[in-house]
Amino acid sequence: MAHPWEDSCRAFAEAADWFVATAARVDRSWSSPGLGEWDLRSLVGHTSRSLLTVEAYLARPAASVDVPSSVAYFEVTRELANGPGVADRGRDAGTALGDDPAASVAGIASRVLPLVAACSGDEVIETIAGGMRLSDYLPTRTFELVAHTVDLCWALDLPADPPAEPASVALELVAALAASGGLAGPLLRGSLGRGPLPEGFSVL
């Protein structure tokens, strides 16, 4: 599911812009419910890490490629993603956004997007999963931006309508993860209206 680097950058930028625009529409208390145990501030904080980790990892070159694809990244990090530390990191990231979380998010995006645009995609970076090519890591961040901005839209009672290109990146990853995890049948059945997805269904 490799994409030309220019297309991947554009999808990431469009996902980031959608996230920034949605965060700017939080017109209620940032302590209102967001997702699960997260309030809106924590949900936005967690989502902002999709930008911040790119910035941090670009400063950490890796000596080798240990994780060969975007799908492999999620397979490697599945246990970490479901661990208790994720909730705490989200809350910490929300706190770090300060008195004006929406403005902070916009500032982060304005800082990170030019960094990515200046890259070739061939950079090998040290991620939480191990060394990866930036071209393989970036779609995972587009996925996270899309997924959690959808969550934010639901929390704000807004239409959850992501831009087409980043939505395609996210859905391709969902399909690939379902196929690699033996979940393609239930996903196809549910997507085609043949019946509901099993309770608790997730490709992650």
N, C-alpha and C. Protein backbone atom coordinates (compact mmCIF):
# COMPACT_ATOMS: atom_id res chain seq x y z
N MET A 1 0.82 -1.20 0.00
CA MET A 1 0.00 0.00 0.00
C MET A 1 0.86 1.26 0.00
N ALA A 2 2.03 1.14 -0.59
CA ALA A 2 2.93 2.30 -0.65
C ALA A 2 2.35 3.37 -1.56
N HIS A 3 2.51 4.60 -1.17
CA HIS A 3 2.04 5.75 -1.95
C HIS A 3 3.24 6.60 -2.34
N PRO A 4 3.15 7.30 -3.48
CA PRO A 4 4.20 8.27 -3.79
C PRO A 4 4.35 9.25 -2.62
N TRP A 5 5.59 9.65 -2.37
CA TRP A 5 5.86 10.49 -1.21
C TRP A 5 5.05 11.77 -1.23
N GLU A 6 4.93 12.39 -2.40
CA GLU A 6 4.18 13.65 -2.49
C GLU A 6 2.72 13.44 -2.07
N ASP A 7 2.14 12.30 -2.47
CA ASP A 7 0.76 12.01 -2.10
C ASP A 7 0.65 11.78 -0.60
N SER A 8 1.62 11.08 -0.03
CA SER A 8 1.61 10.80 1.40
C SER A 8 1.72 12.09 2.20
N CYS A 9 2.60 12.99 1.76
CA CYS A 9 2.73 14.29 2.43
C CYS A 9 1.44 15.08 2.36
N ARG A 10 0.82 15.07 1.20
CA ARG A 10 -0.42 15.83 1.04
C ARG A 10 -1.53 15.26 1.94
N ALA A 11 -1.63 13.94 2.01
CA ALA A 11 -2.64 13.33 2.87
C ALA A 11 -2.41 13.68 4.33
N PHE A 12 -1.15 13.64 4.76
CA PHE A 12 -0.81 14.00 6.13
C PHE A 12 -1.17 15.46 6.41
N ALA A 13 -0.82 16.34 5.49
CA ALA A 13 -1.11 17.77 5.68
C ALA A 13 -2.62 18.02 5.72
N GLU A 14 -3.37 17.36 4.86
CA GLU A 14 -4.82 17.55 4.85
C GLU A 14 -5.45 17.02 6.14
N ALA A 15 -4.93 15.89 6.63
CA ALA A 15 -5.44 15.35 7.90
C ALA A 15 -5.12 16.31 9.04
N ALA A 16 -3.90 16.86 9.04
CA ALA A 16 -3.52 17.81 10.09
C ALA A 16 -4.39 19.06 10.03
N ASP A 17 -4.63 19.57 8.84
CA ASP A 17 -5.46 20.77 8.70
C ASP A 17 -6.88 20.51 9.19
N TRP A 18 -7.41 19.33 8.90
CA TRP A 18 -8.76 18.99 9.36
C TRP A 18 -8.80 18.91 10.88
N PHE A 19 -7.78 18.31 11.47
CA PHE A 19 -7.69 18.24 12.93
C PHE A 19 -7.63 19.64 13.54
N VAL A 20 -6.78 20.50 13.00
CA VAL A 20 -6.65 21.86 13.52
C VAL A 20 -7.98 22.60 13.42
N ALA A 21 -8.66 22.48 12.27
CA ALA A 21 -9.93 23.17 12.08
C ALA A 21 -11.00 22.64 13.03
N THR A 22 -10.98 21.34 13.29
CA THR A 22 -11.98 20.75 14.19
C THR A 22 -11.70 21.15 15.63
N ALA A 23 -10.43 21.15 16.04
CA ALA A 23 -10.09 21.57 17.40
C ALA A 23 -10.51 23.02 17.63
N ALA A 24 -10.45 23.83 16.60
CA ALA A 24 -10.84 25.24 16.72
C ALA A 24 -12.34 25.40 16.97
N ARG A 25 -13.10 24.32 16.76
CA ARG A 25 -14.56 24.41 16.93
C ARG A 25 -15.01 23.92 18.31
N VAL A 26 -14.08 23.66 19.19
CA VAL A 26 -14.45 23.28 20.56
C VAL A 26 -15.00 24.54 21.24
N ASP A 27 -16.32 24.58 21.36
CA ASP A 27 -16.94 25.79 21.90
C ASP A 27 -17.55 25.51 23.28
N ARG A 28 -17.08 24.44 23.90
CA ARG A 28 -17.55 24.11 25.24
C ARG A 28 -16.33 23.90 26.12
N SER A 29 -16.56 23.55 27.36
CA SER A 29 -15.46 23.31 28.27
C SER A 29 -14.56 22.21 27.76
N TRP A 30 -13.26 22.43 27.86
CA TRP A 30 -12.30 21.42 27.43
C TRP A 30 -12.32 20.21 28.35
N SER A 31 -13.03 20.30 29.46
CA SER A 31 -13.15 19.16 30.37
C SER A 31 -14.39 18.32 30.06
N SER A 32 -15.14 18.67 29.00
CA SER A 32 -16.30 17.88 28.60
C SER A 32 -15.84 16.52 28.06
N PRO A 33 -16.72 15.53 28.06
CA PRO A 33 -16.33 14.19 27.60
C PRO A 33 -15.78 14.19 26.18
N GLY A 34 -14.69 13.43 26.00
CA GLY A 34 -14.08 13.31 24.68
C GLY A 34 -14.20 11.91 24.13
N LEU A 35 -13.37 11.00 24.65
CA LEU A 35 -13.37 9.60 24.21
C LEU A 35 -12.99 8.73 25.40
N GLY A 36 -13.88 7.81 25.77
CA GLY A 36 -13.58 6.95 26.89
C GLY A 36 -13.29 7.76 28.14
N GLU A 37 -12.13 7.52 28.77
CA GLU A 37 -11.78 8.25 29.99
C GLU A 37 -11.16 9.62 29.71
N TRP A 38 -10.97 9.95 28.44
CA TRP A 38 -10.40 11.24 28.07
C TRP A 38 -11.48 12.31 27.98
N ASP A 39 -11.17 13.52 28.48
CA ASP A 39 -11.99 14.68 28.17
C ASP A 39 -11.53 15.26 26.83
N LEU A 40 -12.15 16.34 26.39
CA LEU A 40 -11.79 16.92 25.09
C LEU A 40 -10.33 17.34 25.05
N ARG A 41 -9.85 17.91 26.13
CA ARG A 41 -8.45 18.35 26.17
C ARG A 41 -7.52 17.15 25.98
N SER A 42 -7.78 16.05 26.66
CA SER A 42 -6.92 14.88 26.55
C SER A 42 -7.00 14.25 25.17
N LEU A 43 -8.21 14.21 24.59
CA LEU A 43 -8.36 13.66 23.24
C LEU A 43 -7.58 14.49 22.23
N VAL A 44 -7.70 15.81 22.33
CA VAL A 44 -6.95 16.69 21.43
C VAL A 44 -5.45 16.58 21.70
N GLY A 45 -5.09 16.47 22.98
CA GLY A 45 -3.68 16.29 23.31
C GLY A 45 -3.11 15.01 22.71
N HIS A 46 -3.85 13.91 22.87
CA HIS A 46 -3.39 12.64 22.29
C HIS A 46 -3.25 12.76 20.78
N THR A 47 -4.22 13.38 20.15
CA THR A 47 -4.18 13.51 18.69
C THR A 47 -3.01 14.38 18.25
N SER A 48 -2.68 15.38 19.03
CA SER A 48 -1.55 16.25 18.69
C SER A 48 -0.24 15.48 18.67
N ARG A 49 -0.18 14.36 19.39
CA ARG A 49 1.03 13.55 19.38
C ARG A 49 1.30 12.93 18.02
N SER A 50 0.28 12.84 17.17
CA SER A 50 0.50 12.36 15.80
C SER A 50 1.39 13.32 15.02
N LEU A 51 1.40 14.57 15.41
CA LEU A 51 2.29 15.57 14.83
C LEU A 51 3.61 15.63 15.59
N LEU A 52 3.51 15.62 16.91
CA LEU A 52 4.71 15.81 17.73
C LEU A 52 5.69 14.65 17.61
N THR A 53 5.18 13.43 17.45
CA THR A 53 6.11 12.30 17.32
C THR A 53 6.89 12.37 16.02
N VAL A 54 6.27 12.88 14.96
CA VAL A 54 7.00 13.05 13.70
C VAL A 54 8.16 14.01 13.91
N GLU A 55 7.88 15.12 14.57
CA GLU A 55 8.92 16.11 14.86
C GLU A 55 10.04 15.49 15.70
N ALA A 56 9.65 14.76 16.74
CA ALA A 56 10.65 14.18 17.64
C ALA A 56 11.48 13.11 16.94
N TYR A 57 10.83 12.26 16.16
CA TYR A 57 11.55 11.16 15.52
C TYR A 57 12.46 11.64 14.39
N LEU A 58 12.10 12.73 13.75
CA LEU A 58 12.98 13.28 12.71
C LEU A 58 14.33 13.69 13.29
N ALA A 59 14.34 13.97 14.58
CA ALA A 59 15.60 14.33 15.25
C ALA A 59 16.34 13.11 15.78
N ARG A 60 15.81 11.91 15.50
CA ARG A 60 16.41 10.68 16.01
C ARG A 60 16.63 9.70 14.85
N PRO A 61 17.68 9.88 14.06
CA PRO A 61 17.96 8.95 12.96
C PRO A 61 18.22 7.55 13.50
N ALA A 62 17.79 6.55 12.74
CA ALA A 62 18.03 5.15 13.12
C ALA A 62 19.09 4.55 12.21
N ALA A 63 19.78 3.56 12.74
CA ALA A 63 20.86 2.93 11.98
C ALA A 63 20.35 1.88 11.01
N SER A 64 19.15 1.36 11.25
CA SER A 64 18.63 0.29 10.40
C SER A 64 17.11 0.33 10.38
N VAL A 65 16.53 -0.32 9.38
CA VAL A 65 15.07 -0.46 9.29
C VAL A 65 14.67 -1.75 9.98
N ASP A 66 13.98 -1.62 11.10
CA ASP A 66 13.51 -2.78 11.85
C ASP A 66 12.04 -3.09 11.57
N VAL A 67 11.28 -2.07 11.20
CA VAL A 67 9.84 -2.21 10.95
C VAL A 67 9.60 -1.86 9.48
N PRO A 68 9.24 -2.86 8.65
CA PRO A 68 9.28 -2.65 7.20
C PRO A 68 8.06 -1.99 6.57
N SER A 69 6.99 -1.76 7.34
CA SER A 69 5.78 -1.22 6.72
C SER A 69 4.89 -0.55 7.77
N SER A 70 3.90 0.19 7.28
CA SER A 70 2.93 0.82 8.18
C SER A 70 2.13 -0.23 8.93
N VAL A 71 1.74 -1.30 8.24
CA VAL A 71 0.98 -2.37 8.90
C VAL A 71 1.81 -3.01 9.99
N ALA A 72 3.09 -3.27 9.70
CA ALA A 72 3.96 -3.88 10.69
C ALA A 72 4.09 -3.00 11.92
N TYR A 73 4.08 -1.68 11.73
CA TYR A 73 4.16 -0.77 12.87
C TYR A 73 3.01 -1.03 13.84
N PHE A 74 1.80 -1.12 13.32
CA PHE A 74 0.65 -1.34 14.20
C PHE A 74 0.68 -2.73 14.82
N GLU A 75 1.18 -3.70 14.08
CA GLU A 75 1.29 -5.04 14.64
C GLU A 75 2.30 -5.06 15.80
N VAL A 76 3.39 -4.34 15.64
CA VAL A 76 4.41 -4.31 16.68
C VAL A 76 3.92 -3.54 17.91
N THR A 77 3.18 -2.46 17.68
CA THR A 77 2.78 -1.58 18.79
C THR A 77 1.41 -1.91 19.36
N ARG A 78 0.78 -2.99 18.90
CA ARG A 78 -0.59 -3.30 19.33
C ARG A 78 -0.70 -3.38 20.86
N GLU A 79 0.24 -4.07 21.49
CA GLU A 79 0.17 -4.21 22.95
C GLU A 79 0.40 -2.87 23.64
N LEU A 80 1.35 -2.09 23.12
CA LEU A 80 1.60 -0.77 23.71
C LEU A 80 0.39 0.13 23.57
N ALA A 81 -0.28 0.04 22.42
CA ALA A 81 -1.42 0.92 22.15
C ALA A 81 -2.59 0.64 23.08
N ASN A 82 -2.66 -0.57 23.60
CA ASN A 82 -3.76 -0.93 24.50
C ASN A 82 -3.34 -0.89 25.97
N GLY A 83 -2.14 -0.38 26.24
CA GLY A 83 -1.64 -0.35 27.61
C GLY A 83 -2.13 0.88 28.36
N PRO A 84 -1.98 0.87 29.68
CA PRO A 84 -2.47 1.98 30.51
C PRO A 84 -1.72 3.28 30.28
N GLY A 85 -0.49 3.21 29.79
CA GLY A 85 0.29 4.43 29.59
C GLY A 85 -0.27 5.35 28.53
N VAL A 86 -1.06 4.81 27.58
CA VAL A 86 -1.62 5.64 26.51
C VAL A 86 -2.53 6.71 27.08
N ALA A 87 -3.40 6.31 28.00
CA ALA A 87 -4.33 7.28 28.60
C ALA A 87 -3.58 8.38 29.34
N ASP A 88 -2.55 7.99 30.07
CA ASP A 88 -1.76 8.99 30.81
C ASP A 88 -1.04 9.93 29.86
N ARG A 89 -0.48 9.39 28.77
CA ARG A 89 0.22 10.26 27.81
C ARG A 89 -0.74 11.24 27.15
N GLY A 90 -1.96 10.77 26.91
CA GLY A 90 -2.97 11.68 26.33
C GLY A 90 -3.30 12.82 27.27
N ARG A 91 -3.47 12.49 28.55
CA ARG A 91 -3.77 13.55 29.52
C ARG A 91 -2.59 14.51 29.66
N ASP A 92 -1.39 13.96 29.69
CA ASP A 92 -0.21 14.82 29.80
C ASP A 92 -0.08 15.73 28.58
N ALA A 93 -0.35 15.17 27.40
CA ALA A 93 -0.26 15.97 26.18
C ALA A 93 -1.33 17.06 26.16
N GLY A 94 -2.50 16.74 26.70
CA GLY A 94 -3.56 17.75 26.79
C GLY A 94 -3.17 18.88 27.71
N THR A 95 -2.60 18.54 28.85
CA THR A 95 -2.14 19.57 29.79
C THR A 95 -1.08 20.45 29.15
N ALA A 96 -0.19 19.84 28.38
CA ALA A 96 0.91 20.59 27.75
C ALA A 96 0.41 21.61 26.73
N LEU A 97 -0.84 21.48 26.28
CA LEU A 97 -1.38 22.42 25.30
C LEU A 97 -1.70 23.78 25.91
N GLY A 98 -1.71 23.87 27.24
CA GLY A 98 -1.84 25.16 27.89
C GLY A 98 -3.23 25.74 27.90
N ASP A 99 -3.30 27.06 28.03
CA ASP A 99 -4.57 27.75 28.22
C ASP A 99 -5.41 27.81 26.96
N ASP A 100 -4.80 27.70 25.81
CA ASP A 100 -5.52 27.77 24.53
C ASP A 100 -5.13 26.57 23.68
N PRO A 101 -5.73 25.40 23.95
CA PRO A 101 -5.33 24.18 23.24
C PRO A 101 -5.47 24.30 21.72
N ALA A 102 -6.53 24.95 21.25
CA ALA A 102 -6.72 25.05 19.80
C ALA A 102 -5.59 25.83 19.15
N ALA A 103 -5.17 26.91 19.77
CA ALA A 103 -4.06 27.70 19.22
C ALA A 103 -2.76 26.92 19.29
N SER A 104 -2.57 26.16 20.35
CA SER A 104 -1.36 25.35 20.48
C SER A 104 -1.29 24.29 19.39
N VAL A 105 -2.42 23.66 19.11
CA VAL A 105 -2.48 22.65 18.04
C VAL A 105 -2.14 23.28 16.70
N ALA A 106 -2.69 24.45 16.44
CA ALA A 106 -2.40 25.13 15.18
C ALA A 106 -0.90 25.46 15.08
N GLY A 107 -0.31 25.87 16.19
CA GLY A 107 1.11 26.17 16.19
C GLY A 107 1.96 24.94 15.94
N ILE A 108 1.58 23.81 16.53
CA ILE A 108 2.31 22.56 16.30
C ILE A 108 2.27 22.18 14.84
N ALA A 109 1.09 22.24 14.24
CA ALA A 109 0.95 21.87 12.83
C ALA A 109 1.77 22.79 11.93
N SER A 110 1.76 24.07 12.24
CA SER A 110 2.50 25.02 11.41
C SER A 110 4.01 24.79 11.51
N ARG A 111 4.44 24.14 12.57
CA ARG A 111 5.85 23.85 12.76
C ARG A 111 6.25 22.51 12.12
N VAL A 112 5.35 21.53 12.23
CA VAL A 112 5.69 20.17 11.79
C VAL A 112 5.52 19.98 10.28
N LEU A 113 4.47 20.54 9.71
CA LEU A 113 4.21 20.29 8.28
C LEU A 113 5.36 20.74 7.38
N PRO A 114 5.98 21.90 7.61
CA PRO A 114 7.13 22.25 6.77
C PRO A 114 8.31 21.30 6.95
N LEU A 115 8.49 20.74 8.14
CA LEU A 115 9.56 19.77 8.36
C LEU A 115 9.35 18.55 7.47
N VAL A 116 8.12 18.07 7.43
CA VAL A 116 7.82 16.90 6.61
C VAL A 116 7.96 17.23 5.13
N ALA A 117 7.49 18.39 4.73
CA ALA A 117 7.56 18.78 3.32
C ALA A 117 9.00 18.88 2.83
N ALA A 118 9.93 19.13 3.73
CA ALA A 118 11.34 19.25 3.35
C ALA A 118 12.05 17.91 3.28
N CYS A 119 11.35 16.83 3.62
CA CYS A 119 11.97 15.50 3.63
C CYS A 119 11.76 14.78 2.30
N SER A 120 12.52 13.72 2.10
CA SER A 120 12.38 12.90 0.90
C SER A 120 11.55 11.65 1.12
N GLY A 121 11.32 11.30 2.39
CA GLY A 121 10.63 10.07 2.74
C GLY A 121 11.57 8.91 2.95
N ASP A 122 12.82 9.04 2.49
CA ASP A 122 13.80 7.96 2.64
C ASP A 122 14.50 8.00 4.00
N GLU A 123 14.27 9.04 4.78
CA GLU A 123 14.89 9.15 6.09
C GLU A 123 14.52 7.93 6.95
N VAL A 124 15.50 7.39 7.66
CA VAL A 124 15.25 6.27 8.58
C VAL A 124 15.27 6.84 9.99
N ILE A 125 14.14 6.71 10.69
CA ILE A 125 13.95 7.35 11.98
C ILE A 125 13.72 6.30 13.06
N GLU A 126 14.06 6.65 14.29
CA GLU A 126 13.87 5.74 15.42
C GLU A 126 12.51 6.00 16.04
N THR A 127 11.58 5.05 15.87
CA THR A 127 10.23 5.17 16.41
C THR A 127 10.11 4.30 17.66
N ILE A 128 8.97 4.35 18.28
CA ILE A 128 8.73 3.53 19.46
C ILE A 128 8.78 2.04 19.11
N ALA A 129 8.56 1.73 17.83
CA ALA A 129 8.57 0.34 17.38
C ALA A 129 9.93 -0.10 16.88
N GLY A 130 10.84 0.86 16.65
CA GLY A 130 12.14 0.58 16.06
C GLY A 130 12.38 1.44 14.83
N GLY A 131 13.48 1.18 14.15
CA GLY A 131 13.81 1.98 12.97
C GLY A 131 12.81 1.80 11.85
N MET A 132 12.41 2.91 11.24
CA MET A 132 11.45 2.88 10.12
C MET A 132 11.83 3.95 9.11
N ARG A 133 11.47 3.70 7.86
CA ARG A 133 11.53 4.78 6.87
C ARG A 133 10.39 5.76 7.14
N LEU A 134 10.69 7.03 7.00
CA LEU A 134 9.66 8.04 7.21
C LEU A 134 8.45 7.79 6.31
N SER A 135 8.71 7.32 5.09
CA SER A 135 7.62 7.06 4.14
C SER A 135 6.66 5.98 4.65
N ASP A 136 7.15 5.08 5.51
CA ASP A 136 6.29 4.06 6.10
C ASP A 136 5.64 4.54 7.40
N TYR A 137 6.34 5.41 8.12
CA TYR A 137 5.80 5.90 9.39
C TYR A 137 4.70 6.93 9.18
N LEU A 138 4.86 7.81 8.19
CA LEU A 138 3.92 8.93 8.05
C LEU A 138 2.47 8.48 7.86
N PRO A 139 2.18 7.42 7.07
CA PRO A 139 0.78 7.01 6.96
C PRO A 139 0.16 6.58 8.29
N THR A 140 0.98 6.09 9.22
CA THR A 140 0.42 5.73 10.53
C THR A 140 -0.04 6.98 11.27
N ARG A 141 0.64 8.09 11.04
CA ARG A 141 0.24 9.35 11.69
C ARG A 141 -0.99 9.93 11.00
N THR A 142 -1.07 9.78 9.69
CA THR A 142 -2.29 10.21 8.98
C THR A 142 -3.48 9.42 9.49
N PHE A 143 -3.30 8.12 9.65
CA PHE A 143 -4.35 7.26 10.20
C PHE A 143 -4.80 7.77 11.57
N GLU A 144 -3.85 8.05 12.46
CA GLU A 144 -4.20 8.50 13.81
C GLU A 144 -4.91 9.85 13.78
N LEU A 145 -4.45 10.75 12.93
CA LEU A 145 -5.10 12.05 12.82
C LEU A 145 -6.55 11.90 12.35
N VAL A 146 -6.76 11.07 11.35
CA VAL A 146 -8.11 10.87 10.83
C VAL A 146 -8.99 10.20 11.88
N ALA A 147 -8.50 9.11 12.47
CA ALA A 147 -9.32 8.35 13.42
C ALA A 147 -9.73 9.22 14.61
N HIS A 148 -8.79 9.97 15.16
CA HIS A 148 -9.11 10.73 16.37
C HIS A 148 -9.82 12.04 16.07
N THR A 149 -9.67 12.57 14.86
CA THR A 149 -10.49 13.73 14.52
C THR A 149 -11.93 13.30 14.30
N VAL A 150 -12.14 12.09 13.80
CA VAL A 150 -13.49 11.52 13.75
C VAL A 150 -14.05 11.42 15.18
N ASP A 151 -13.23 10.90 16.11
CA ASP A 151 -13.67 10.83 17.51
C ASP A 151 -14.05 12.22 18.03
N LEU A 152 -13.23 13.21 17.70
CA LEU A 152 -13.49 14.58 18.16
C LEU A 152 -14.79 15.11 17.57
N CYS A 153 -15.02 14.83 16.30
CA CYS A 153 -16.27 15.25 15.67
C CYS A 153 -17.49 14.64 16.38
N TRP A 154 -17.40 13.36 16.69
CA TRP A 154 -18.50 12.70 17.40
C TRP A 154 -18.72 13.36 18.75
N ALA A 155 -17.65 13.66 19.45
CA ALA A 155 -17.78 14.27 20.78
C ALA A 155 -18.40 15.67 20.70
N LEU A 156 -18.18 16.35 19.57
CA LEU A 156 -18.68 17.71 19.39
C LEU A 156 -19.99 17.77 18.62
N ASP A 157 -20.54 16.60 18.28
CA ASP A 157 -21.78 16.54 17.49
C ASP A 157 -21.62 17.24 16.15
N LEU A 158 -20.46 17.04 15.52
CA LEU A 158 -20.17 17.59 14.20
C LEU A 158 -20.16 16.47 13.17
N PRO A 159 -20.42 16.78 11.90
CA PRO A 159 -20.31 15.75 10.87
C PRO A 159 -18.87 15.21 10.81
N ALA A 160 -18.74 13.91 10.84
CA ALA A 160 -17.41 13.28 10.79
C ALA A 160 -17.10 12.94 9.34
N ASP A 161 -16.60 13.94 8.62
CA ASP A 161 -16.39 13.81 7.18
C ASP A 161 -14.96 14.18 6.83
N PRO A 162 -14.02 13.24 6.98
CA PRO A 162 -12.60 13.56 6.73
C PRO A 162 -12.35 13.82 5.25
N PRO A 163 -11.33 14.60 4.91
CA PRO A 163 -10.96 14.80 3.51
C PRO A 163 -10.68 13.46 2.83
N ALA A 164 -10.94 13.40 1.54
CA ALA A 164 -10.91 12.12 0.82
C ALA A 164 -9.55 11.44 0.85
N GLU A 165 -8.48 12.20 0.63
CA GLU A 165 -7.17 11.55 0.51
C GLU A 165 -6.69 10.95 1.83
N PRO A 166 -6.71 11.69 2.94
CA PRO A 166 -6.33 11.06 4.20
C PRO A 166 -7.31 9.96 4.63
N ALA A 167 -8.59 10.12 4.30
CA ALA A 167 -9.55 9.07 4.62
C ALA A 167 -9.18 7.78 3.89
N SER A 168 -8.75 7.90 2.64
CA SER A 168 -8.35 6.72 1.88
C SER A 168 -7.14 6.04 2.50
N VAL A 169 -6.17 6.84 2.97
CA VAL A 169 -4.99 6.27 3.64
C VAL A 169 -5.42 5.50 4.88
N ALA A 170 -6.31 6.09 5.67
CA ALA A 170 -6.76 5.44 6.90
C ALA A 170 -7.52 4.15 6.60
N LEU A 171 -8.39 4.20 5.61
CA LEU A 171 -9.19 3.02 5.29
C LEU A 171 -8.34 1.92 4.66
N GLU A 172 -7.34 2.28 3.89
CA GLU A 172 -6.43 1.27 3.35
C GLU A 172 -5.70 0.55 4.47
N LEU A 173 -5.29 1.30 5.48
CA LEU A 173 -4.61 0.67 6.62
C LEU A 173 -5.57 -0.23 7.40
N VAL A 174 -6.81 0.20 7.57
CA VAL A 174 -7.80 -0.64 8.24
C VAL A 174 -7.97 -1.95 7.48
N ALA A 175 -8.10 -1.86 6.15
CA ALA A 175 -8.28 -3.07 5.34
C ALA A 175 -7.06 -3.98 5.42
N ALA A 176 -5.87 -3.39 5.36
CA ALA A 176 -4.65 -4.19 5.40
C ALA A 176 -4.48 -4.87 6.75
N LEU A 177 -4.81 -4.16 7.81
CA LEU A 177 -4.71 -4.75 9.14
C LEU A 177 -5.74 -5.86 9.33
N ALA A 178 -6.94 -5.66 8.78
CA ALA A 178 -7.95 -6.71 8.86
C ALA A 178 -7.50 -7.95 8.10
N ALA A 179 -6.93 -7.76 6.92
CA ALA A 179 -6.47 -8.90 6.13
C ALA A 179 -5.35 -9.65 6.83
N SER A 180 -4.39 -8.90 7.39
CA SER A 180 -3.25 -9.55 8.04
C SER A 180 -3.64 -10.20 9.36
N GLY A 181 -4.73 -9.75 9.96
CA GLY A 181 -5.16 -10.28 11.25
C GLY A 181 -6.29 -11.28 11.17
N GLY A 182 -6.63 -11.72 9.96
CA GLY A 182 -7.70 -12.70 9.81
C GLY A 182 -9.09 -12.15 10.07
N LEU A 183 -9.26 -10.84 9.87
CA LEU A 183 -10.54 -10.19 10.16
C LEU A 183 -11.22 -9.64 8.90
N ALA A 184 -10.71 -10.02 7.73
CA ALA A 184 -11.27 -9.47 6.50
C ALA A 184 -12.73 -9.85 6.31
N GLY A 185 -13.08 -11.08 6.64
CA GLY A 185 -14.46 -11.53 6.46
C GLY A 185 -15.46 -10.71 7.23
N PRO A 186 -15.29 -10.57 8.55
CA PRO A 186 -16.23 -9.75 9.31
C PRO A 186 -16.28 -8.30 8.85
N LEU A 187 -15.11 -7.75 8.49
CA LEU A 187 -15.08 -6.35 8.04
C LEU A 187 -15.85 -6.19 6.74
N LEU A 188 -15.62 -7.09 5.79
CA LEU A 188 -16.33 -7.01 4.52
C LEU A 188 -17.84 -7.20 4.73
N ARG A 189 -18.20 -8.15 5.54
CA ARG A 189 -19.62 -8.40 5.78
C ARG A 189 -20.30 -7.18 6.39
N GLY A 190 -19.65 -6.57 7.39
CA GLY A 190 -20.23 -5.40 8.01
C GLY A 190 -20.27 -4.21 7.08
N SER A 191 -19.19 -4.04 6.29
CA SER A 191 -19.10 -2.89 5.38
C SER A 191 -20.11 -2.97 4.25
N LEU A 192 -20.49 -4.18 3.89
CA LEU A 192 -21.42 -4.37 2.77
C LEU A 192 -22.87 -4.51 3.22
N GLY A 193 -23.10 -4.27 4.50
CA GLY A 193 -24.47 -4.30 5.00
C GLY A 193 -25.04 -5.69 5.17
N ARG A 194 -24.18 -6.70 5.26
CA ARG A 194 -24.66 -8.08 5.40
C ARG A 194 -25.03 -8.40 6.85
N GLY A 195 -24.60 -7.54 7.76
CA GLY A 195 -24.86 -7.77 9.18
C GLY A 195 -23.97 -6.90 10.01
N PRO A 196 -24.23 -6.83 11.31
CA PRO A 196 -23.42 -5.98 12.19
C PRO A 196 -22.04 -6.58 12.41
N LEU A 197 -21.08 -5.71 12.68
CA LEU A 197 -19.76 -6.19 13.08
C LEU A 197 -19.86 -6.84 14.46
N PRO A 198 -19.01 -7.82 14.75
CA PRO A 198 -19.03 -8.44 16.08
C PRO A 198 -18.80 -7.40 17.17
N GLU A 199 -19.38 -7.62 18.33
CA GLU A 199 -19.19 -6.69 19.45
C GLU A 199 -17.72 -6.58 19.79
N GLY A 200 -17.25 -5.33 19.94
CA GLY A 200 -15.85 -5.10 20.27
C GLY A 200 -14.89 -5.26 19.10
N PHE A 201 -15.40 -5.35 17.89
CA PHE A 201 -14.54 -5.56 16.71
C PHE A 201 -13.54 -4.42 16.56
N SER A 202 -12.29 -4.75 16.34
CA SER A 202 -11.26 -3.76 16.08
C SER A 202 -10.12 -4.43 15.35
N VAL A 203 -9.53 -3.71 14.40
CA VAL A 203 -8.37 -4.24 13.69
C VAL A 203 -7.08 -3.93 14.44
N LEU A 204 -7.17 -3.13 15.50
CA LEU A 204 -5.97 -2.75 16.27
C LEU A 204 -5.85 -3.61 17.52
